[in-house]
Structure formats: C-alpha cells, structure tokens
C-alpha atoms as a PDB file:
ATOM      1  CA  MET A   1     108.317  99.986 135.657  1.00  0.00           C
ATOM      2  CA  ASN A   2     106.427 102.897 134.009  1.00  0.00           C
ATOM      3  CA  GLY A   3     103.117 101.305 133.235  1.00  0.00           C
ATOM      4  CA  GLY A   4     103.576 101.190 129.605  1.00  0.00           C
ATOM      5  CA  ALA A   5     102.485  98.329 127.333  1.00  0.00           C
ATOM      6  CA  ARG A   6     105.645  96.350 127.837  1.00  0.00           C
ATOM      7  CA  ASP A   7     105.461  96.543 131.589  1.00  0.00           C
ATOM      8  CA  ARG A   8     101.823  95.597 131.586  1.00  0.00           C
ATOM      9  CA  ILE A   9     102.720  92.491 129.738  1.00  0.00           C
ATOM     10  CA  ILE A  10     105.486  91.715 132.246  1.00  0.00           C
ATOM     11  CA  VAL A  11     103.170  92.357 135.257  1.00  0.00           C
ATOM     12  CA  ALA A  12     100.542  90.169 133.816  1.00  0.00           C
ATOM     13  CA  GLN A  13     102.815  87.231 133.130  1.00  0.00           C
ATOM     14  CA  LYS A  14     104.400  87.589 136.634  1.00  0.00           C
ATOM     15  CA  ALA A  15     101.017  87.385 138.129  1.00  0.00           C
ATOM     16  CA  TRP A  16     100.134  84.348 136.034  1.00  0.00           C
ATOM     17  CA  ALA A  17     103.312  82.635 137.215  1.00  0.00           C
ATOM     18  CA  GLU A  18     102.695  83.443 140.910  1.00  0.00           C
ATOM     19  CA  ARG A  19      99.010  82.079 140.671  1.00  0.00           C
ATOM     20  CA  ASN A  20     100.386  78.915 139.333  1.00  0.00           C
ATOM     21  CA  GLY A  21     103.203  78.579 141.832  1.00  0.00           C
ATOM     22  CA  ILE A  22     105.897  78.810 139.260  1.00  0.00           C
ATOM     23  CA  GLU A  23     109.401  79.936 140.476  1.00  0.00           C
ATOM     24  CA  PHE A  24     111.216  82.568 138.366  1.00  0.00           C
ATOM     25  CA  THR A  25     114.312  84.636 138.557  1.00  0.00           C
ATOM     26  CA  GLU A  26     114.803  88.344 138.839  1.00  0.00           C
ATOM     27  CA  ARG A  27     115.013  88.420 135.153  1.00  0.00           C
ATOM     28  CA  PHE A  28     111.445  86.910 134.990  1.00  0.00           C
ATOM     29  CA  ARG A  29     112.931  83.616 133.679  1.00  0.00           C
ATOM     30  CA  THR A  30     111.344  80.401 134.991  1.00  0.00           C
ATOM     31  CA  VAL A  31     113.890  78.192 136.931  1.00  0.00           C
ATOM     32  CA  ASN A  32     112.459  75.138 135.056  1.00  0.00           C
ATOM     33  CA  LEU A  33     111.983  75.709 131.363  1.00  0.00           C
ATOM     34  CA  GLU A  34     108.990  73.410 131.184  1.00  0.00           C
ATOM     35  CA  ASP A  35     107.154  75.677 133.628  1.00  0.00           C
ATOM     36  CA  ASN A  36     107.016  78.262 130.845  1.00  0.00           C
ATOM     37  CA  LEU A  37     105.536  75.952 128.308  1.00  0.00           C
ATOM     38  CA  PHE A  38     102.111  74.391 127.786  1.00  0.00           C
ATOM     39  CA  GLN A  39     103.861  70.925 127.213  1.00  0.00           C
ATOM     40  CA  PRO A  40     107.503  69.690 126.990  1.00  0.00           C
ATOM     41  CA  LEU A  41     109.035  70.492 123.690  1.00  0.00           C
ATOM     42  CA  ASN A  42     108.574  68.067 120.845  1.00  0.00           C
ATOM     43  CA  THR A  43     111.860  66.288 120.102  1.00  0.00           C
ATOM     44  CA  ALA A  44     112.185  67.810 116.698  1.00  0.00           C
ATOM     45  CA  THR A  45     111.372  71.354 118.124  1.00  0.00           C
ATOM     46  CA  ARG A  46     114.053  70.962 120.801  1.00  0.00           C
ATOM     47  CA  ALA A  47     116.645  70.013 118.250  1.00  0.00           C
ATOM     48  CA  GLU A  48     115.748  73.132 116.169  1.00  0.00           C
ATOM     49  CA  PHE A  49     116.155  75.403 119.076  1.00  0.00           C
ATOM     50  CA  GLU A  50     119.471  73.745 119.927  1.00  0.00           C
ATOM     51  CA  ALA A  51     120.614  74.423 116.424  1.00  0.00           C
ATOM     52  CA  GLY A  52     119.421  77.969 116.551  1.00  0.00           C
ATOM     53  CA  ALA A  53     121.584  81.101 117.212  1.00  0.00           C
ATOM     54  CA  GLY A  54     119.445  82.674 119.963  1.00  0.00           C
ATOM     55  CA  ASP A  55     120.444  80.816 123.117  1.00  0.00           C
ATOM     56  CA  GLU A  56     116.935  79.970 123.716  1.00  0.00           C
ATOM     57  CA  LEU A  57     117.363  76.827 125.822  1.00  0.00           C
ATOM     58  CA  GLY A  58     120.241  78.089 128.082  1.00  0.00           C
ATOM     59  CA  GLU A  59     122.481  75.979 130.243  1.00  0.00           C
ATOM     60  CA  PRO A  60     121.979  74.069 133.568  1.00  0.00           C
ATOM     61  CA  GLY A  61     121.590  76.694 136.209  1.00  0.00           C
ATOM     62  CA  GLN A  62     121.165  79.386 133.546  1.00  0.00           C
ATOM     63  CA  PRO A  63     117.737  79.704 132.067  1.00  0.00           C
ATOM     64  CA  GLY A  64     117.731  80.701 128.399  1.00  0.00           C
ATOM     65  CA  LYS A  65     115.615  83.124 126.615  1.00  0.00           C
ATOM     66  CA  LEU A  66     112.861  80.526 126.077  1.00  0.00           C
ATOM     67  CA  ALA A  67     112.278  80.513 129.831  1.00  0.00           C
ATOM     68  CA  SER A  68     111.343  84.283 129.833  1.00  0.00           C
ATOM     69  CA  LEU A  69     107.835  84.808 130.870  1.00  0.00           C
ATOM     70  CA  TYR A  70     107.508  87.415 128.213  1.00  0.00           C
ATOM     71  CA  SER A  71     109.389  85.636 125.502  1.00  0.00           C
ATOM     72  CA  SER A  72     107.897  85.896 122.044  1.00  0.00           C
ATOM     73  CA  SER A  73     109.520  82.576 121.071  1.00  0.00           C
ATOM     74  CA  ALA A  74     107.789  80.922 124.167  1.00  0.00           C
ATOM     75  CA  LEU A  75     104.513  82.471 123.163  1.00  0.00           C
ATOM     76  CA  ALA A  76     105.033  81.085 119.622  1.00  0.00           C
ATOM     77  CA  THR A  77     106.030  77.736 120.940  1.00  0.00           C
ATOM     78  CA  ASN A  78     102.997  77.527 123.255  1.00  0.00           C
ATOM     79  CA  MET A  79     100.827  78.518 120.180  1.00  0.00           C
ATOM     80  CA  PHE A  80     102.229  76.011 117.677  1.00  0.00           C
ATOM     81  CA  ASP A  81     104.182  73.238 119.209  1.00  0.00           C
ATOM     82  CA  PHE A  82     101.135  71.533 120.547  1.00  0.00           C
ATOM     83  CA  TRP A  83      99.850  71.198 116.815  1.00  0.00           C
ATOM     84  CA  ARG A  84     102.961  69.687 115.517  1.00  0.00           C
ATOM     85  CA  GLY A  85     102.221  66.238 114.153  1.00  0.00           C
ATOM     86  CA  ARG A  86      98.453  66.741 114.708  1.00  0.00           C
ATOM     87  CA  TYR A  87      95.613  67.363 112.517  1.00  0.00           C
ATOM     88  CA  ALA A  88      95.686  71.251 112.512  1.00  0.00           C
ATOM     89  CA  THR A  89      92.766  72.352 110.519  1.00  0.00           C
ATOM     90  CA  ALA A  90      91.345  74.234 113.539  1.00  0.00           C
ATOM     91  CA  LEU A  91      94.666  76.193 113.937  1.00  0.00           C
ATOM     92  CA  PHE A  92      94.781  76.983 110.143  1.00  0.00           C
ATOM     93  CA  GLU A  93      91.221  78.211 110.056  1.00  0.00           C
ATOM     94  CA  ALA A  94      91.748  80.439 113.060  1.00  0.00           C
ATOM     95  CA  LEU A  95      94.893  81.849 111.280  1.00  0.00           C
ATOM     96  CA  GLY A  96      92.838  82.634 108.155  1.00  0.00           C
ATOM     97  CA  LEU A  97      94.770  80.019 106.242  1.00  0.00           C
ATOM     98  CA  GLY A  98      91.770  77.868 105.383  1.00  0.00           C
ATOM     99  CA  GLY A  99      92.286  74.344 103.994  1.00  0.00           C
ATOM    100  CA  GLY A 100      94.449  72.930 106.737  1.00  0.00           C
ATOM    101  CA  GLY A 101      98.263  72.401 106.842  1.00  0.00           C
ATOM    102  CA  ARG A 102     100.979  71.485 109.254  1.00  0.00           C
ATOM    103  CA  VAL A 103     103.601  73.021 111.437  1.00  0.00           C
ATOM    104  CA  VAL A 104     106.897  72.329 109.737  1.00  0.00           C
ATOM    105  CA  ARG A 105     109.720  73.635 111.892  1.00  0.00           C
ATOM    106  CA  PHE A 106     110.818  76.292 114.518  1.00  0.00           C
ATOM    107  CA  GLU A 107     113.772  78.558 114.117  1.00  0.00           C
ATOM    108  CA  ALA A 108     113.497  78.415 110.354  1.00  0.00           C
ATOM    109  CA  LYS A 109     116.580  79.647 108.685  1.00  0.00           C
ATOM    110  CA  HIS A 110     116.228  81.278 105.223  1.00  0.00           C
ATOM    111  CA  PRO A 111     119.553  82.722 104.149  1.00  0.00           C
ATOM    112  CA  THR A 112     119.466  85.895 102.006  1.00  0.00           C
ATOM    113  CA  GLY A 113     122.717  84.973 100.247  1.00  0.00           C
ATOM    114  CA  LEU A 114     124.539  87.689 102.167  1.00  0.00           C
ATOM    115  CA  PRO A 115     127.373  86.912 104.646  1.00  0.00           C
ATOM    116  CA  GLY A 116     126.517  86.605 108.263  1.00  0.00           C
ATOM    117  CA  THR A 117     123.963  84.753 110.392  1.00  0.00           C
ATOM    118  CA  PRO A 118     120.823  84.323 108.493  1.00  0.00           C
ATOM    119  CA  PRO A 119     117.457  85.568 109.886  1.00  0.00           C
ATOM    120  CA  HIS A 120     115.578  82.991 112.043  1.00  0.00           C
ATOM    121  CA  LEU A 121     111.898  82.898 111.679  1.00  0.00           C
ATOM    122  CA  ASP A 122     109.990  81.819 114.704  1.00  0.00           C
ATOM    123  CA  VAL A 123     107.948  79.200 112.900  1.00  0.00           C
ATOM    124  CA  GLU A 124     107.361  77.828 109.470  1.00  0.00           C
ATOM    125  CA  LEU A 125     104.012  76.336 108.357  1.00  0.00           C
ATOM    126  CA  ALA A 126     102.987  74.445 105.227  1.00  0.00           C
ATOM    127  CA  GLY A 127      99.537  75.541 104.187  1.00  0.00           C
ATOM    128  CA  ARG A 128      97.251  73.845 101.679  1.00  0.00           C
ATOM    129  CA  GLU A 129      99.173  72.095  98.995  1.00  0.00           C
ATOM    130  CA  GLY A 130     102.433  72.772 100.861  1.00  0.00           C
ATOM    131  CA  ALA A 131     102.491  76.532 100.313  1.00  0.00           C
ATOM    132  CA  PRO A 132     105.162  77.887 102.842  1.00  0.00           C
ATOM    133  CA  VAL A 133     104.063  80.418 105.533  1.00  0.00           C
ATOM    134  CA  GLY A 134     106.734  82.070 107.522  1.00  0.00           C
ATOM    135  CA  VAL A 135     105.594  83.341 111.053  1.00  0.00           C
ATOM    136  CA  GLU A 136     107.326  86.131 112.761  1.00  0.00           C
ATOM    137  CA  SER A 137     106.074  86.377 116.408  1.00  0.00           C
ATOM    138  CA  LYS A 138     106.047  89.307 118.772  1.00  0.00           C
ATOM    139  CA  PHE A 139     105.122  89.624 122.336  1.00  0.00           C
ATOM    140  CA  ALA A 140     106.510  92.486 124.415  1.00  0.00           C
ATOM    141  CA  GLU A 141     109.338  93.525 121.949  1.00  0.00           C
ATOM    142  CA  PRO A 142     107.306  96.142 119.894  1.00  0.00           C
ATOM    143  CA  TYR A 143     106.611  98.013 123.192  1.00  0.00           C
ATOM    144  CA  GLY A 144     110.331  98.503 123.892  1.00  0.00           C
ATOM    145  CA  ARG A 145     113.239  99.951 121.894  1.00  0.00           C
ATOM    146  CA  ILE A 146     113.127  99.052 118.157  1.00  0.00           C
ATOM    147  CA  HIS A 147     116.093  99.388 115.998  1.00  0.00           C
ATOM    148  CA  ASN A 148     115.418  99.521 112.375  1.00  0.00           C
ATOM    149  CA  GLN A 149     118.786  99.214 110.560  1.00  0.00           C
ATOM    150  CA  PHE A 150     120.552  97.577 107.483  1.00  0.00           C
ATOM    151  CA  ARG A 151     124.034  96.779 106.850  1.00  0.00           C
ATOM    152  CA  PRO A 152     125.307  98.480 103.665  1.00  0.00           C
ATOM    153  CA  VAL A 153     125.732  95.091 101.965  1.00  0.00           C
ATOM    154  CA  TYR A 154     121.963  94.869 101.643  1.00  0.00           C
ATOM    155  CA  PHE A 155     121.945  97.495  98.997  1.00  0.00           C
ATOM    156  CA  GLU A 156     125.042  96.388  97.063  1.00  0.00           C
ATOM    157  CA  ARG A 157     123.448  93.298  95.537  1.00  0.00           C
ATOM    158  CA  GLU A 158     120.677  94.207  92.935  1.00  0.00           C
ATOM    159  CA  SER A 159     119.569  90.543  92.640  1.00  0.00           C
ATOM    160  CA  LEU A 160     118.616  90.405  96.339  1.00  0.00           C
ATOM    161  CA  TRP A 161     115.694  92.770  95.528  1.00  0.00           C
ATOM    162  CA  GLU A 162     114.683  91.200  92.206  1.00  0.00           C
ATOM    163  CA  GLY A 163     110.778  91.431  91.545  1.00  0.00           C
ATOM    164  CA  MET A 164     110.327  93.531  94.876  1.00  0.00           C
ATOM    165  CA  PRO A 165     111.144  97.184  93.969  1.00  0.00           C
ATOM    166  CA  ARG A 166     108.668  98.628  96.572  1.00  0.00           C
ATOM    167  CA  LEU A 167     110.315  96.574  99.265  1.00  0.00           C
ATOM    168  CA  ARG A 168     113.720  97.979  98.292  1.00  0.00           C
ATOM    169  CA  ARG A 169     112.416 101.562  98.238  1.00  0.00           C
ATOM    170  CA  LEU A 170     110.981 101.151 101.718  1.00  0.00           C
ATOM    171  CA  ALA A 171     114.183  99.645 103.031  1.00  0.00           C
ATOM    172  CA  GLU A 172     116.158 102.524 101.654  1.00  0.00           C
ATOM    173  CA  ARG A 173     113.882 105.040 103.215  1.00  0.00           C
ATOM    174  CA  ILE A 174     114.029 103.285 106.630  1.00  0.00           C
ATOM    175  CA  ASP A 175     117.707 103.198 106.318  1.00  0.00           C
ATOM    176  CA  ASP A 176     118.106 106.970 105.590  1.00  0.00           C
ATOM    177  CA  GLY A 177     115.600 107.821 108.246  1.00  0.00           C
ATOM    178  CA  SER A 178     112.863 109.290 106.026  1.00  0.00           C
ATOM    179  CA  VAL A 179     110.473 106.652 107.216  1.00  0.00           C
ATOM    180  CA  GLU A 180     110.262 105.764 110.878  1.00  0.00           C
ATOM    181  CA  PHE A 181     108.495 103.067 112.742  1.00  0.00           C
ATOM    182  CA  GLU A 182     108.177 103.311 116.623  1.00  0.00           C
ATOM    183  CA  HIS A 183     107.017  99.806 117.351  1.00  0.00           C
ATOM    184  CA  LEU A 184     107.120  97.775 114.168  1.00  0.00           C
ATOM    185  CA  HIS A 185     110.585  96.100 113.503  1.00  0.00           C
ATOM    186  CA  ALA A 186     110.207  96.711 109.813  1.00  0.00           C
ATOM    187  CA  ALA A 187     113.771  95.944 108.990  1.00  0.00           C
ATOM    188  CA  GLN A 188     113.521  92.522 110.417  1.00  0.00           C
ATOM    189  CA  LEU A 189     110.427  91.806 108.419  1.00  0.00           C
ATOM    190  CA  ILE A 190     112.145  92.979 105.261  1.00  0.00           C
ATOM    191  CA  LYS A 191     115.233  90.813 106.028  1.00  0.00           C
ATOM    192  CA  HIS A 192     112.808  87.724 106.639  1.00  0.00           C
ATOM    193  CA  THR A 193     111.027  88.599 103.282  1.00  0.00           C
ATOM    194  CA  LEU A 194     114.374  88.635 101.583  1.00  0.00           C
ATOM    195  CA  GLY A 195     115.243  85.218 103.019  1.00  0.00           C
ATOM    196  CA  LEU A 196     112.003  83.656 102.100  1.00  0.00           C
ATOM    197  CA  ALA A 197     112.276  85.107  98.560  1.00  0.00           C
ATOM    198  CA  HIS A 198     115.649  83.661  98.235  1.00  0.00           C
ATOM    199  CA  SER A 199     114.214  80.330  99.157  1.00  0.00           C
ATOM    200  CA  TYR A 200     110.929  80.262  97.387  1.00  0.00           C
ATOM    201  CA  GLY A 201     110.927  83.220  94.914  1.00  0.00           C
ATOM    202  CA  PRO A 202     109.035  86.554  95.574  1.00  0.00           C
ATOM    203  CA  ASP A 203     105.539  84.966  94.912  1.00  0.00           C
ATOM    204  CA  GLY A 204     106.197  81.649  96.565  1.00  0.00           C
ATOM    205  CA  PHE A 205     105.493  82.296 100.264  1.00  0.00           C
ATOM    206  CA  THR A 206     103.383  84.228 102.604  1.00  0.00           C
ATOM    207  CA  LEU A 207     104.871  86.032 105.672  1.00  0.00           C
ATOM    208  CA  MET A 208     102.774  86.282 108.703  1.00  0.00           C
ATOM    209  CA  TYR A 209     103.265  88.917 111.393  1.00  0.00           C
ATOM    210  CA  LEU A 210     101.742  87.444 114.465  1.00  0.00           C
ATOM    211  CA  TRP A 211     101.797  89.936 117.278  1.00  0.00           C
ATOM    212  CA  TYR A 212     100.365  90.724 120.740  1.00  0.00           C
ATOM    213  CA  PHE A 213      97.993  93.576 121.005  1.00  0.00           C
ATOM    214  CA  VAL A 214      97.754  95.646 124.236  1.00  0.00           C
ATOM    215  CA  ASP A 215      95.048  98.170 124.618  1.00  0.00           C
ATOM    216  CA  GLY A 216      96.104 101.884 124.626  1.00  0.00           C
ATOM    217  CA  PRO A 217      97.948 104.259 122.426  1.00  0.00           C
ATOM    218  CA  GLU A 218     101.017 102.057 122.019  1.00  0.00           C
ATOM    219  CA  GLY A 219      98.896  99.084 120.716  1.00  0.00           C
ATOM    220  CA  GLU A 220      96.944 101.402 118.430  1.00  0.00           C
ATOM    221  CA  ARG A 221     100.288 102.977 117.018  1.00  0.00           C
ATOM    222  CA  HIS A 222     101.669  99.512 116.510  1.00  0.00           C
ATOM    223  CA  GLN A 223      98.443  98.432 114.596  1.00  0.00           C
ATOM    224  CA  SER A 224      98.745 101.630 112.373  1.00  0.00           C
ATOM    225  CA  GLU A 225     102.368 100.873 111.610  1.00  0.00           C
ATOM    226  CA  VAL A 226     101.649  97.328 110.529  1.00  0.00           C
ATOM    227  CA  GLU A 227      98.820  98.640 108.125  1.00  0.00           C
ATOM    228  CA  GLU A 228     101.219 101.299 106.857  1.00  0.00           C
ATOM    229  CA  PHE A 229     103.881  98.684 106.164  1.00  0.00           C
ATOM    230  CA  GLY A 230     101.461  96.612 104.247  1.00  0.00           C
ATOM    231  CA  ALA A 231     100.123  99.687 102.208  1.00  0.00           C
ATOM    232  CA  VAL A 232     103.483 100.708 101.127  1.00  0.00           C
ATOM    233  CA  LEU A 233     104.388  97.234  99.761  1.00  0.00           C
ATOM    234  CA  GLY A 234     101.138  97.384  97.919  1.00  0.00           C
ATOM    235  CA  GLY A 235     100.619  93.562  97.507  1.00  0.00           C
ATOM    236  CA  GLU A 236     104.106  93.105  96.160  1.00  0.00           C
ATOM    237  CA  VAL A 237     104.685  90.484  98.892  1.00  0.00           C
ATOM    238  CA  ARG A 238     101.948  88.344 100.448  1.00  0.00           C
ATOM    239  CA  LEU A 239     102.020  89.784 104.047  1.00  0.00           C
ATOM    240  CA  MET A 240      99.381  88.819 106.601  1.00  0.00           C
ATOM    241  CA  SER A 241      99.042  90.379 110.111  1.00  0.00           C
ATOM    242  CA  ARG A 242      97.269  88.632 112.880  1.00  0.00           C
ATOM    243  CA  THR A 243      97.136  89.250 116.688  1.00  0.00           C
ATOM    244  CA  TYR A 244      97.311  86.317 119.198  1.00  0.00           C
ATOM    245  CA  GLN A 245      94.160  87.482 120.774  1.00  0.00           C
ATOM    246  CA  GLY A 246      92.387  87.683 117.410  1.00  0.00           C
ATOM    247  CA  VAL A 247      93.527  84.225 116.389  1.00  0.00           C
ATOM    248  CA  LEU A 248      92.482  82.631 119.754  1.00  0.00           C
ATOM    249  CA  GLY A 249      89.213  84.381 119.569  1.00  0.00           C
ATOM    250  CA  ARG A 250      88.467  82.722 116.161  1.00  0.00           C
ATOM    251  CA  PHE A 251      88.944  79.019 117.378  1.00  0.00           C
ATOM    252  CA  ALA A 252      85.783  76.988 117.107  1.00  0.00           C
ATOM    253  CA  PRO A 253      84.317  75.988 120.492  1.00  0.00           C
ATOM    254  CA  ASP A 254      84.960  72.203 119.956  1.00  0.00           C
ATOM    255  CA  ILE A 255      88.413  71.753 118.734  1.00  0.00           C
ATOM    256  CA  GLY A 256      89.471  68.723 120.602  1.00  0.00           C
ATOM    257  CA  ALA A 257      92.189  70.693 122.299  1.00  0.00           C
ATOM    258  CA  ASP A 258      90.499  71.997 125.436  1.00  0.00           C
ATOM    259  CA  ALA A 259      93.464  71.863 127.725  1.00  0.00           C
ATOM    260  CA  TRP A 260      95.590  73.672 125.347  1.00  0.00           C
ATOM    261  CA  TYR A 261      93.037  76.388 124.531  1.00  0.00           C
ATOM    262  CA  THR A 262      92.257  76.982 128.175  1.00  0.00           C
ATOM    263  CA  TYR A 263      95.913  77.468 128.989  1.00  0.00           C
ATOM    264  CA  MET A 264      96.436  79.960 126.147  1.00  0.00           C
ATOM    265  CA  ALA A 265      93.200  81.886 126.922  1.00  0.00           C
ATOM    266  CA  GLU A 266      93.910  82.052 130.527  1.00  0.00           C
ATOM    267  CA  ARG A 267      97.599  83.004 130.230  1.00  0.00           C
ATOM    268  CA  TYR A 268      97.558  85.279 127.283  1.00  0.00           C
ATOM    269  CA  VAL A 269      93.992  86.825 126.981  1.00  0.00           C
ATOM    270  CA  ALA A 270      92.255  86.870 130.374  1.00  0.00           C
ATOM    271  CA  SER A 271      95.435  87.936 132.102  1.00  0.00           C
ATOM    272  CA  MET A 272      95.354  91.314 130.147  1.00  0.00           C
ATOM    273  CA  ALA A 273      91.615  91.790 130.514  1.00  0.00           C
END
C-alpha cells in the first residue's frame, strides 16, 4: 500500500473490522456477509442481488463482492437498506430530496436498448410523487484505476441520445481522449443516464452521484471532476452530487434510528477522522 486515498480507506475499514472482532480474508472480505452489514438483507434486497450480474453474494466458502470491507455496494446497502419499508423522510431530507419518499430497489436495471448487459444502478429511490432517483454509489473505486470507454455501438443509434446533445458531445470527447477524468467514472454515469432516459425520458428522472470523500489531493480532484461533469451538461440532465459524509452530517439529531446512525458514523466518518 502506498498511502493514497484508496489505501487509506482500506486501512480504516480493516481497523474497524479488527476493533469489532470481525474475521476477514486476505482480500479484505468478511468471512460472514452479515458482518459487513448493519443488518441482514431485506428479503427483497437479497433477491435483487441474487438477480444481479455482479456476483455480490458469492457462494458458500467464497465471499462475494458485497462482503468486501471497501465495497461501494455494501456502503450503499448499509446506507439505504435500513430505510426500506420505513418512513424515510429523514433520509430524503439529508439527501436534499425534501418531501419524503421510499427506497424502491437495489441493482436497478435500466436497459439502453443496446445489446449486452444493461447498467446496474446501486439503488433506485422514489421521491415525492414517485419521481425516480437513480443512485450510483462510489467508495474506494474513484481512487483506483478508472476506465472511461464506450463501445462503438453507443454512437451508432441517434435515438439513444435524443434530447441530450450535450451528453453525446461529452461522451464523444471522452471516447476520443480529448476529455479525461482521472477519478470520475464519467462513462459509467453517462451509460446510467442513457438507461434512465430510455425508461423515463430525458426529463423524467434524477441521477444522484453519491460518493466517499477523502481529504487530500485525490479527493479534491475528484470533487473538481464531478463539478466539471455537471457544468458540461449544463442542466440538460438532472444530476445531483452528494458525499456520504455530507449526507450523514445533515441528519437531524433525533431521527428514530440511533443504532443505524451510530454504526454509519463510526464506520464511515469517524474511522477516517
């Protein structure tokens, strides 16, 4: 480990597991999946992970990706699964989505209409009056290697980009290398946008980028890239950016979820202080 942002996340999560007597493998995956989660998966959530394409649950004796101490899926699950089926006004207020709403599903698939495996959003929410909010979660990934690529087929179907010319121009510039992002997986966000637009229309959804900030140059650069991405789109797509730390910091003191909040704050905020 070289002391970069990704390594600092791993070290902090390893220390958290050790403090809590949690056994994990050499790959930093907990031997028991439940040890990496605030609570056992809701029945519907487990079914959605089982139907997903990411090998999140693994097999007996082989922990899956969701068991990774630095998994963004586990972070999103710990953030949202507790609120599934609950009165979630406090969550939506903290996210900046006032008016309440509900957690709809995990591993949300929104095909673009192109061949191949459709993009999987980490979480889909329904805001006030049912307005869909797709959430893409990031933990350590932005601080590792990012590959921003598109298959040629993305640029062969004009209807895919209908109503989103800025998005297409940005995708083309990313694809030809004239625009580069070091930490932001911009191509993935664009693919999620295309899938959501295919399902709901260009004006029918919000895409939320929910990510983990790490103090230092890498975190600052990531923040700048998120802002640059939004500025280039110029409001063409409803894009929101939130950090996990910022959202957790906006929860009201009395939310009726003390055990959940304490877990999240100790594991994901205090551990990096």
